[in-house]
């Protein structure tokens, strides 16, 4: 398997520095995800207000123009995508 990064070796071929591990990248990704989640938790009220405002503006636009726009909820709930159970059975 070819190396995906350079390694520091001596003239005789002995490895001087260990090869970098993927853990550094994984840790950086995990830290970035934690920061994003902290920002979302901190500003959740602003985010939900913004989404609500966009939906209200879309509703006003529909009423003024007499058209029907598709639902603009950016992240639909997974359970909302499933078909409701048949009540006649």
PDB file of N, CA and C in Angstrom:
ATOM      1  N   UNK A   1       0.848  -1.169   0.000  1.00  0.00           N
ATOM      2  CA  UNK A   1       0.000   0.000   0.000  1.00  0.00           C
ATOM      3  C   UNK A   1       0.898   1.238   0.000  1.00  0.00           C
ATOM      4  N   UNK A   2       0.721   2.174  -0.908  1.00  0.00           N
ATOM      5  CA  UNK A   2       1.578   3.349  -0.961  1.00  0.00           C
ATOM      6  C   UNK A   2       1.304   4.289   0.213  1.00  0.00           C
ATOM      7  N   UNK A   3       2.394   4.955   0.642  1.00  0.00           N
ATOM      8  CA  UNK A   3       2.259   5.897   1.751  1.00  0.00           C
ATOM      9  C   UNK A   3       1.518   7.143   1.273  1.00  0.00           C
ATOM     10  N   UNK A   4       0.679   7.678   2.123  1.00  0.00           N
ATOM     11  CA  UNK A   4      -0.077   8.874   1.759  1.00  0.00           C
ATOM     12  C   UNK A   4       0.564  10.137   2.318  1.00  0.00           C
ATOM     13  N   UNK A   5       1.708   9.994   2.987  1.00  0.00           N
ATOM     14  CA  UNK A   5       2.406  11.144   3.537  1.00  0.00           C
ATOM     15  C   UNK A   5       3.892  10.850   3.586  1.00  0.00           C
ATOM     16  N   UNK A   6       4.693  11.869   3.769  1.00  0.00           N
ATOM     17  CA  UNK A   6       6.142  11.704   3.839  1.00  0.00           C
ATOM     18  C   UNK A   6       6.557  11.294   5.239  1.00  0.00           C
ATOM     19  N   UNK A   7       7.654  10.496   5.330  1.00  0.00           N
ATOM     20  CA  UNK A   7       8.194  10.087   6.621  1.00  0.00           C
ATOM     21  C   UNK A   7       9.648  10.523   6.688  1.00  0.00           C
ATOM     22  N   UNK A   8      10.059  10.930   7.880  1.00  0.00           N
ATOM     23  CA  UNK A   8      11.438  11.343   8.088  1.00  0.00           C
ATOM     24  C   UNK A   8      12.271  10.105   8.374  1.00  0.00           C
ATOM     25  N   UNK A   9      13.239   9.798   7.480  1.00  0.00           N
ATOM     26  CA  UNK A   9      14.077   8.608   7.651  1.00  0.00           C
ATOM     27  C   UNK A   9      15.538   8.990   7.563  1.00  0.00           C
ATOM     28  N   UNK A  10      16.397   8.156   8.164  1.00  0.00           N
ATOM     29  CA  UNK A  10      17.842   8.359   8.112  1.00  0.00           C
ATOM     30  C   UNK A  10      18.373   7.818   6.792  1.00  0.00           C
ATOM     31  N   UNK A  11      19.661   8.037   6.550  1.00  0.00           N
ATOM     32  CA  UNK A  11      20.285   7.579   5.302  1.00  0.00           C
ATOM     33  C   UNK A  11      20.187   6.067   5.166  1.00  0.00           C
ATOM     34  N   UNK A  12      20.296   5.361   6.286  1.00  0.00           N
ATOM     35  CA  UNK A  12      20.223   3.898   6.219  1.00  0.00           C
ATOM     36  C   UNK A  12      18.789   3.386   6.103  1.00  0.00           C
ATOM     37  N   UNK A  13      17.818   4.290   6.096  1.00  0.00           N
ATOM     38  CA  UNK A  13      16.427   3.884   5.926  1.00  0.00           C
ATOM     39  C   UNK A  13      15.656   3.744   7.221  1.00  0.00           C
ATOM     40  N   UNK A  14      16.346   3.936   8.362  1.00  0.00           N
ATOM     41  CA  UNK A  14      15.651   3.816   9.644  1.00  0.00           C
ATOM     42  C   UNK A  14      14.699   5.009   9.816  1.00  0.00           C
ATOM     43  N   UNK A  15      13.562   4.719  10.347  1.00  0.00           N
ATOM     44  CA  UNK A  15      12.567   5.783  10.530  1.00  0.00           C
ATOM     45  C   UNK A  15      12.932   6.610  11.762  1.00  0.00           C
ATOM     46  N   UNK A  16      13.039   7.933  11.579  1.00  0.00           N
ATOM     47  CA  UNK A  16      13.406   8.824  12.678  1.00  0.00           C
ATOM     48  C   UNK A  16      12.167   9.292  13.429  1.00  0.00           C
ATOM     49  N   UNK A  17      11.190   9.758  12.719  1.00  0.00           N
ATOM     50  CA  UNK A  17       9.956  10.243  13.348  1.00  0.00           C
ATOM     51  C   UNK A  17       8.818   9.291  13.008  1.00  0.00           C
ATOM     52  N   UNK A  18       7.967   9.015  13.972  1.00  0.00           N
ATOM     53  CA  UNK A  18       6.842   8.125  13.664  1.00  0.00           C
ATOM     54  C   UNK A  18       5.900   8.766  12.649  1.00  0.00           C
ATOM     55  N   UNK A  19       5.247   7.922  11.901  1.00  0.00           N
ATOM     56  CA  UNK A  19       4.282   8.418  10.919  1.00  0.00           C
ATOM     57  C   UNK A  19       3.122   9.079  11.642  1.00  0.00           C
ATOM     58  N   UNK A  20       2.625  10.180  11.120  1.00  0.00           N
ATOM     59  CA  UNK A  20       1.481  10.833  11.779  1.00  0.00           C
ATOM     60  C   UNK A  20       0.256   9.927  11.763  1.00  0.00           C
ATOM     61  N   UNK A  21      -0.515   9.997  12.803  1.00  0.00           N
ATOM     62  CA  UNK A  21      -1.708   9.171  12.928  1.00  0.00           C
ATOM     63  C   UNK A  21      -2.934   9.944  12.450  1.00  0.00           C
ATOM     64  N   UNK A  22      -3.969   9.216  12.092  1.00  0.00           N
ATOM     65  CA  UNK A  22      -5.218   9.849  11.676  1.00  0.00           C
ATOM     66  C   UNK A  22      -5.956  10.462  12.860  1.00  0.00           C
ATOM     67  N   UNK A  23      -5.541  10.113  14.070  1.00  0.00           N
ATOM     68  CA  UNK A  23      -6.217  10.617  15.251  1.00  0.00           C
ATOM     69  C   UNK A  23      -6.209  12.143  15.312  1.00  0.00           C
ATOM     70  N   UNK A  24      -5.141  12.748  14.802  1.00  0.00           N
ATOM     71  CA  UNK A  24      -5.060  14.204  14.826  1.00  0.00           C
ATOM     72  C   UNK A  24      -6.207  14.787  14.005  1.00  0.00           C
ATOM     73  N   UNK A  25      -6.412  14.243  12.814  1.00  0.00           N
ATOM     74  CA  UNK A  25      -7.497  14.719  11.964  1.00  0.00           C
ATOM     75  C   UNK A  25      -8.853  14.426  12.600  1.00  0.00           C
ATOM     76  N   UNK A  26      -8.992  13.213  13.153  1.00  0.00           N
ATOM     77  CA  UNK A  26     -10.254  12.842  13.792  1.00  0.00           C
ATOM     78  C   UNK A  26     -10.547  13.741  14.983  1.00  0.00           C
ATOM     79  N   UNK A  27      -9.514  14.046  15.769  1.00  0.00           N
ATOM     80  CA  UNK A  27      -9.702  14.921  16.930  1.00  0.00           C
ATOM     81  C   UNK A  27     -10.101  16.317  16.480  1.00  0.00           C
ATOM     82  N   UNK A  28      -9.488  16.794  15.401  1.00  0.00           N
ATOM     83  CA  UNK A  28      -9.823  18.123  14.884  1.00  0.00           C
ATOM     84  C   UNK A  28     -11.264  18.149  14.393  1.00  0.00           C
ATOM     85  N   UNK A  29     -11.699  17.093  13.718  1.00  0.00           N
ATOM     86  CA  UNK A  29     -13.084  17.020  13.246  1.00  0.00           C
ATOM     87  C   UNK A  29     -14.062  16.985  14.415  1.00  0.00           C
ATOM     88  N   UNK A  30     -13.702  16.172  15.425  1.00  0.00           N
ATOM     89  CA  UNK A  30     -14.568  16.064  16.596  1.00  0.00           C
ATOM     90  C   UNK A  30     -14.665  17.414  17.311  1.00  0.00           C
ATOM     91  N   UNK A  31     -13.536  18.108  17.442  1.00  0.00           N
ATOM     92  CA  UNK A  31     -13.538  19.424  18.084  1.00  0.00           C
ATOM     93  C   UNK A  31     -14.372  20.421  17.275  1.00  0.00           C
ATOM     94  N   UNK A  32     -14.244  20.363  15.941  1.00  0.00           N
ATOM     95  CA  UNK A  32     -15.027  21.257  15.080  1.00  0.00           C
ATOM     96  C   UNK A  32     -16.525  20.980  15.246  1.00  0.00           C
ATOM     97  N   UNK A  33     -16.910  19.693  15.304  1.00  0.00           N
ATOM     98  CA  UNK A  33     -18.314  19.337  15.506  1.00  0.00           C
ATOM     99  C   UNK A  33     -18.821  19.844  16.856  1.00  0.00           C
ATOM    100  N   UNK A  34     -17.986  19.705  17.900  1.00  0.00           N
ATOM    101  CA  UNK A  34     -18.379  20.178  19.229  1.00  0.00           C
ATOM    102  C   UNK A  34     -18.571  21.688  19.239  1.00  0.00           C
ATOM    103  N   UNK A  35     -17.701  22.414  18.537  1.00  0.00           N
ATOM    104  CA  UNK A  35     -17.823  23.871  18.453  1.00  0.00           C
ATOM    105  C   UNK A  35     -19.103  24.242  17.729  1.00  0.00           C
ATOM    106  N   UNK A  36     -19.390  23.567  16.594  1.00  0.00           N
ATOM    107  CA  UNK A  36     -20.618  23.859  15.854  1.00  0.00           C
ATOM    108  C   UNK A  36     -21.855  23.590  16.712  1.00  0.00           C
ATOM    109  N   UNK A  37     -21.854  22.474  17.464  1.00  0.00           N
ATOM    110  CA  UNK A  37     -23.000  22.157  18.307  1.00  0.00           C
ATOM    111  C   UNK A  37     -23.147  23.193  19.419  1.00  0.00           C
ATOM    112  N   UNK A  38     -22.036  23.680  19.970  1.00  0.00           N
ATOM    113  CA  UNK A  38     -22.100  24.710  21.005  1.00  0.00           C
ATOM    114  C   UNK A  38     -22.688  25.999  20.441  1.00  0.00           C
ATOM    115  N   UNK A  39     -22.288  26.354  19.231  1.00  0.00           N
ATOM    116  CA  UNK A  39     -22.823  27.562  18.590  1.00  0.00           C
ATOM    117  C   UNK A  39     -24.326  27.404  18.353  1.00  0.00           C
ATOM    118  N   UNK A  40     -24.737  26.236  17.876  1.00  0.00           N
ATOM    119  CA  UNK A  40     -26.158  25.996  17.621  1.00  0.00           C
ATOM    120  C   UNK A  40     -26.947  26.068  18.927  1.00  0.00           C
ATOM    121  N   UNK A  41     -26.416  25.436  20.004  1.00  0.00           N
ATOM    122  CA  UNK A  41     -27.113  25.487  21.291  1.00  0.00           C
ATOM    123  C   UNK A  41     -27.221  26.917  21.796  1.00  0.00           C
ATOM    124  N   UNK A  42     -26.133  27.684  21.624  1.00  0.00           N
ATOM    125  CA  UNK A  42     -26.105  29.069  22.089  1.00  0.00           C
ATOM    126  C   UNK A  42     -27.115  29.936  21.352  1.00  0.00           C
ATOM    127  N   UNK A  43     -27.244  29.723  20.053  1.00  0.00           N
ATOM    128  CA  UNK A  43     -28.050  30.596  19.211  1.00  0.00           C
ATOM    129  C   UNK A  43     -29.312  29.918  18.708  1.00  0.00           C
ATOM    130  N   UNK A  44     -29.783  28.898  19.404  1.00  0.00           N
ATOM    131  CA  UNK A  44     -30.941  28.142  18.940  1.00  0.00           C
ATOM    132  C   UNK A  44     -32.174  29.022  18.799  1.00  0.00           C
ATOM    133  N   UNK A  45     -32.376  29.949  19.727  1.00  0.00           N
ATOM    134  CA  UNK A  45     -33.524  30.853  19.645  1.00  0.00           C
ATOM    135  C   UNK A  45     -33.473  31.707  18.398  1.00  0.00           C
ATOM    136  N   UNK A  46     -32.275  32.204  18.066  1.00  0.00           N
ATOM    137  CA  UNK A  46     -32.128  33.027  16.864  1.00  0.00           C
ATOM    138  C   UNK A  46     -32.381  32.206  15.609  1.00  0.00           C
ATOM    139  N   UNK A  47     -31.874  30.969  15.614  1.00  0.00           N
ATOM    140  CA  UNK A  47     -32.036  30.105  14.436  1.00  0.00           C
ATOM    141  C   UNK A  47     -33.510  29.781  14.212  1.00  0.00           C
ATOM    142  N   UNK A  48     -34.201  29.375  15.285  1.00  0.00           N
ATOM    143  CA  UNK A  48     -35.613  29.022  15.124  1.00  0.00           C
ATOM    144  C   UNK A  48     -36.447  30.252  14.771  1.00  0.00           C
ATOM    145  N   UNK A  49     -36.083  31.408  15.323  1.00  0.00           N
ATOM    146  CA  UNK A  49     -36.800  32.632  14.958  1.00  0.00           C
ATOM    147  C   UNK A  49     -36.601  32.943  13.481  1.00  0.00           C
ATOM    148  N   UNK A  50     -35.360  32.775  12.995  1.00  0.00           N
ATOM    149  CA  UNK A  50     -35.070  33.051  11.584  1.00  0.00           C
ATOM    150  C   UNK A  50     -35.853  32.111  10.671  1.00  0.00           C
ATOM    151  N   UNK A  51     -35.894  30.834  11.025  1.00  0.00           N
ATOM    152  CA  UNK A  51     -36.637  29.871  10.208  1.00  0.00           C
ATOM    153  C   UNK A  51     -38.125  30.215  10.237  1.00  0.00           C
ATOM    154  N   UNK A  52     -38.628  30.562  11.431  1.00  0.00           N
ATOM    155  CA  UNK A  52     -40.035  30.958  11.542  1.00  0.00           C
ATOM    156  C   UNK A  52     -40.333  32.200  10.719  1.00  0.00           C
ATOM    157  N   UNK A  53     -39.411  33.152  10.711  1.00  0.00           N
ATOM    158  CA  UNK A  53     -39.603  34.386   9.938  1.00  0.00           C
ATOM    159  C   UNK A  53     -39.611  34.091   8.437  1.00  0.00           C
ATOM    160  N   UNK A  54     -38.724  33.215   7.998  1.00  0.00           N
ATOM    161  CA  UNK A  54     -38.689  32.842   6.577  1.00  0.00           C
ATOM    162  C   UNK A  54     -40.011  32.189   6.185  1.00  0.00           C
ATOM    163  N   UNK A  55     -40.523  31.302   7.046  1.00  0.00           N
ATOM    164  CA  UNK A  55     -41.795  30.638   6.746  1.00  0.00           C
ATOM    165  C   UNK A  55     -42.950  31.644   6.726  1.00  0.00           C
ATOM    166  N   UNK A  56     -42.906  32.633   7.643  1.00  0.00           N
ATOM    167  CA  UNK A  56     -43.958  33.654   7.661  1.00  0.00           C
ATOM    168  C   UNK A  56     -43.901  34.496   6.390  1.00  0.00           C
ATOM    169  N   UNK A  57     -42.685  34.870   5.962  1.00  0.00           N
ATOM    170  CA  UNK A  57     -42.538  35.648   4.727  1.00  0.00           C
ATOM    171  C   UNK A  57     -43.016  34.850   3.515  1.00  0.00           C
ATOM    172  N   UNK A  58     -42.719  33.559   3.501  1.00  0.00           N
ATOM    173  CA  UNK A  58     -43.184  32.709   2.394  1.00  0.00           C
ATOM    174  C   UNK A  58     -44.710  32.658   2.381  1.00  0.00           C
ATOM    175  N   UNK A  59     -45.320  32.576   3.569  1.00  0.00           N
ATOM    176  CA  UNK A  59     -46.774  32.568   3.653  1.00  0.00           C
ATOM    177  C   UNK A  59     -47.386  33.869   3.153  1.00  0.00           C
ATOM    178  N   UNK A  60     -46.749  35.003   3.525  1.00  0.00           N
ATOM    179  CA  UNK A  60     -47.226  36.302   3.037  1.00  0.00           C
ATOM    180  C   UNK A  60     -47.099  36.400   1.519  1.00  0.00           C
ATOM    181  N   UNK A  61     -45.995  35.893   0.989  1.00  0.00           N
ATOM    182  CA  UNK A  61     -45.775  35.918  -0.461  1.00  0.00           C
ATOM    183  C   UNK A  61     -46.836  35.082  -1.173  1.00  0.00           C
ATOM    184  N   UNK A  62     -47.126  33.906  -0.611  1.00  0.00           N
ATOM    185  CA  UNK A  62     -48.175  33.063  -1.203  1.00  0.00           C
ATOM    186  C   UNK A  62     -49.509  33.797  -1.224  1.00  0.00           C
ATOM    187  N   UNK A  63     -49.832  34.454  -0.114  1.00  0.00           N
ATOM    188  CA  UNK A  63     -51.119  35.147  -0.025  1.00  0.00           C
ATOM    189  C   UNK A  63     -51.179  36.325  -0.995  1.00  0.00           C
ATOM    190  N   UNK A  64     -50.101  37.087  -1.096  1.00  0.00           N
ATOM    191  CA  UNK A  64     -50.086  38.263  -1.968  1.00  0.00           C
ATOM    192  C   UNK A  64     -50.118  37.901  -3.448  1.00  0.00           C
ATOM    193  N   UNK A  65     -49.419  36.843  -3.822  1.00  0.00           N
ATOM    194  CA  UNK A  65     -49.326  36.471  -5.236  1.00  0.00           C
ATOM    195  C   UNK A  65     -50.365  35.434  -5.642  1.00  0.00           C
ATOM    196  N   UNK A  66     -51.008  34.824  -4.657  1.00  0.00           N
ATOM    197  CA  UNK A  66     -51.998  33.803  -4.974  1.00  0.00           C
ATOM    198  C   UNK A  66     -51.375  32.534  -5.524  1.00  0.00           C
ATOM    199  N   UNK A  67     -50.187  32.201  -5.035  1.00  0.00           N
ATOM    200  CA  UNK A  67     -49.505  30.986  -5.488  1.00  0.00           C
ATOM    201  C   UNK A  67     -49.268  30.075  -4.292  1.00  0.00           C
ATOM    202  N   UNK A  68     -48.822  28.881  -4.566  1.00  0.00           N
ATOM    203  CA  UNK A  68     -48.496  27.931  -3.513  1.00  0.00           C
ATOM    204  C   UNK A  68     -47.025  27.558  -3.627  1.00  0.00           C
ATOM    205  N   UNK A  69     -46.251  27.864  -2.606  1.00  0.00           N
ATOM    206  CA  UNK A  69     -44.833  27.519  -2.587  1.00  0.00           C
ATOM    207  C   UNK A  69     -44.640  26.186  -1.874  1.00  0.00           C
ATOM    208  N   UNK A  70     -43.605  25.443  -2.233  1.00  0.00           N
ATOM    209  CA  UNK A  70     -43.341  24.190  -1.518  1.00  0.00           C
ATOM    210  C   UNK A  70     -42.914  24.490  -0.082  1.00  0.00           C
ATOM    211  N   UNK A  71     -43.045  23.507   0.785  1.00  0.00           N
ATOM    212  CA  UNK A  71     -42.642  23.662   2.182  1.00  0.00           C
ATOM    213  C   UNK A  71     -41.150  23.967   2.226  1.00  0.00           C
ATOM    214  N   UNK A  72     -40.765  25.031   2.936  1.00  0.00           N
ATOM    215  CA  UNK A  72     -39.359  25.436   2.937  1.00  0.00           C
ATOM    216  C   UNK A  72     -38.649  25.069   4.230  1.00  0.00           C
ATOM    217  N   UNK A  73     -39.156  24.073   4.969  1.00  0.00           N
ATOM    218  CA  UNK A  73     -38.468  23.630   6.176  1.00  0.00           C
ATOM    219  C   UNK A  73     -37.176  22.955   5.749  1.00  0.00           C
ATOM    220  N   UNK A  74     -36.027  23.482   6.197  1.00  0.00           N
ATOM    221  CA  UNK A  74     -34.764  22.937   5.696  1.00  0.00           C
ATOM    222  C   UNK A  74     -34.454  21.530   6.175  1.00  0.00           C
ATOM    223  N   UNK A  75     -34.848  21.160   7.402  1.00  0.00           N
ATOM    224  CA  UNK A  75     -34.551  19.833   7.912  1.00  0.00           C
ATOM    225  C   UNK A  75     -35.838  19.173   8.367  1.00  0.00           C
ATOM    226  N   UNK A  76     -36.527  18.462   7.463  1.00  0.00           N
ATOM    227  CA  UNK A  76     -37.771  17.814   7.882  1.00  0.00           C
ATOM    228  C   UNK A  76     -37.479  16.702   8.887  1.00  0.00           C
ATOM    229  N   UNK A  77     -38.398  16.478   9.799  1.00  0.00           N
ATOM    230  CA  UNK A  77     -38.235  15.396  10.768  1.00  0.00           C
ATOM    231  C   UNK A  77     -38.330  14.068  10.040  1.00  0.00           C
ATOM    232  N   UNK A  78     -37.572  13.092  10.522  1.00  0.00           N
ATOM    233  CA  UNK A  78     -37.596  11.769   9.876  1.00  0.00           C
ATOM    234  C   UNK A  78     -38.972  11.134   9.983  1.00  0.00           C
ATOM    235  N   UNK A  79     -39.631  11.315  11.120  1.00  0.00           N
ATOM    236  CA  UNK A  79     -40.940  10.687  11.278  1.00  0.00           C
ATOM    237  C   UNK A  79     -41.998  11.364  10.416  1.00  0.00           C
ATOM    238  N   UNK A  80     -41.745  12.620   9.982  1.00  0.00           N
ATOM    239  CA  UNK A  80     -42.696  13.314   9.120  1.00  0.00           C
ATOM    240  C   UNK A  80     -42.651  12.746   7.696  1.00  0.00           C
ATOM    241  N   UNK A  81     -41.553  12.076   7.360  1.00  0.00           N
ATOM    242  CA  UNK A  81     -41.411  11.518   6.021  1.00  0.00           C
ATOM    243  C   UNK A  81     -42.133  10.181   5.872  1.00  0.00           C
ATOM    244  N   UNK A  82     -42.417   9.514   7.012  1.00  0.00           N
ATOM    245  CA  UNK A  82     -43.060   8.209   6.918  1.00  0.00           C
ATOM    246  C   UNK A  82     -44.555   8.381   6.663  1.00  0.00           C
ATOM    247  N   UNK A  83     -45.131   7.401   6.033  1.00  0.00           N
ATOM    248  CA  UNK A  83     -46.563   7.420   5.709  1.00  0.00           C
ATOM    249  C   UNK A  83     -47.343   7.130   6.980  1.00  0.00           C
ATOM    250  N   UNK A  84     -48.399   7.895   7.273  1.00  0.00           N
ATOM    251  CA  UNK A  84     -49.183   7.606   8.482  1.00  0.00           C
ATOM    252  C   UNK A  84     -49.867   6.247   8.376  1.00  0.00           C
ATOM    253  N   UNK A  85     -50.110   5.586   9.512  1.00  0.00           N
ATOM    254  CA  UNK A  85     -50.738   4.259   9.455  1.00  0.00           C
ATOM    255  C   UNK A  85     -52.168   4.354   8.933  1.00  0.00           C
ATOM    256  N   UNK A  86     -52.608   3.280   8.313  1.00  0.00           N
ATOM    257  CA  UNK A  86     -53.958   3.222   7.752  1.00  0.00           C
ATOM    258  C   UNK A  86     -54.971   3.041   8.878  1.00  0.00           C
ATOM    259  N   UNK A  87     -55.882   4.012   9.054  1.00  0.00           N
ATOM    260  CA  UNK A  87     -56.855   3.970  10.143  1.00  0.00           C
ATOM    261  C   UNK A  87     -58.030   3.046   9.828  1.00  0.00           C
ATOM    262  N   UNK A  88     -58.228   2.690   8.568  1.00  0.00           N
ATOM    263  CA  UNK A  88     -59.382   1.869   8.196  1.00  0.00           C
ATOM    264  C   UNK A  88     -59.184   0.395   8.518  1.00  0.00           C
ATOM    265  N   UNK A  89     -57.951  -0.008   8.779  1.00  0.00           N
ATOM    266  CA  UNK A  89     -57.670  -1.429   9.020  1.00  0.00           C
ATOM    267  C   UNK A  89     -58.055  -1.877  10.405  1.00  0.00           C
TER     268      UNK A  89
END
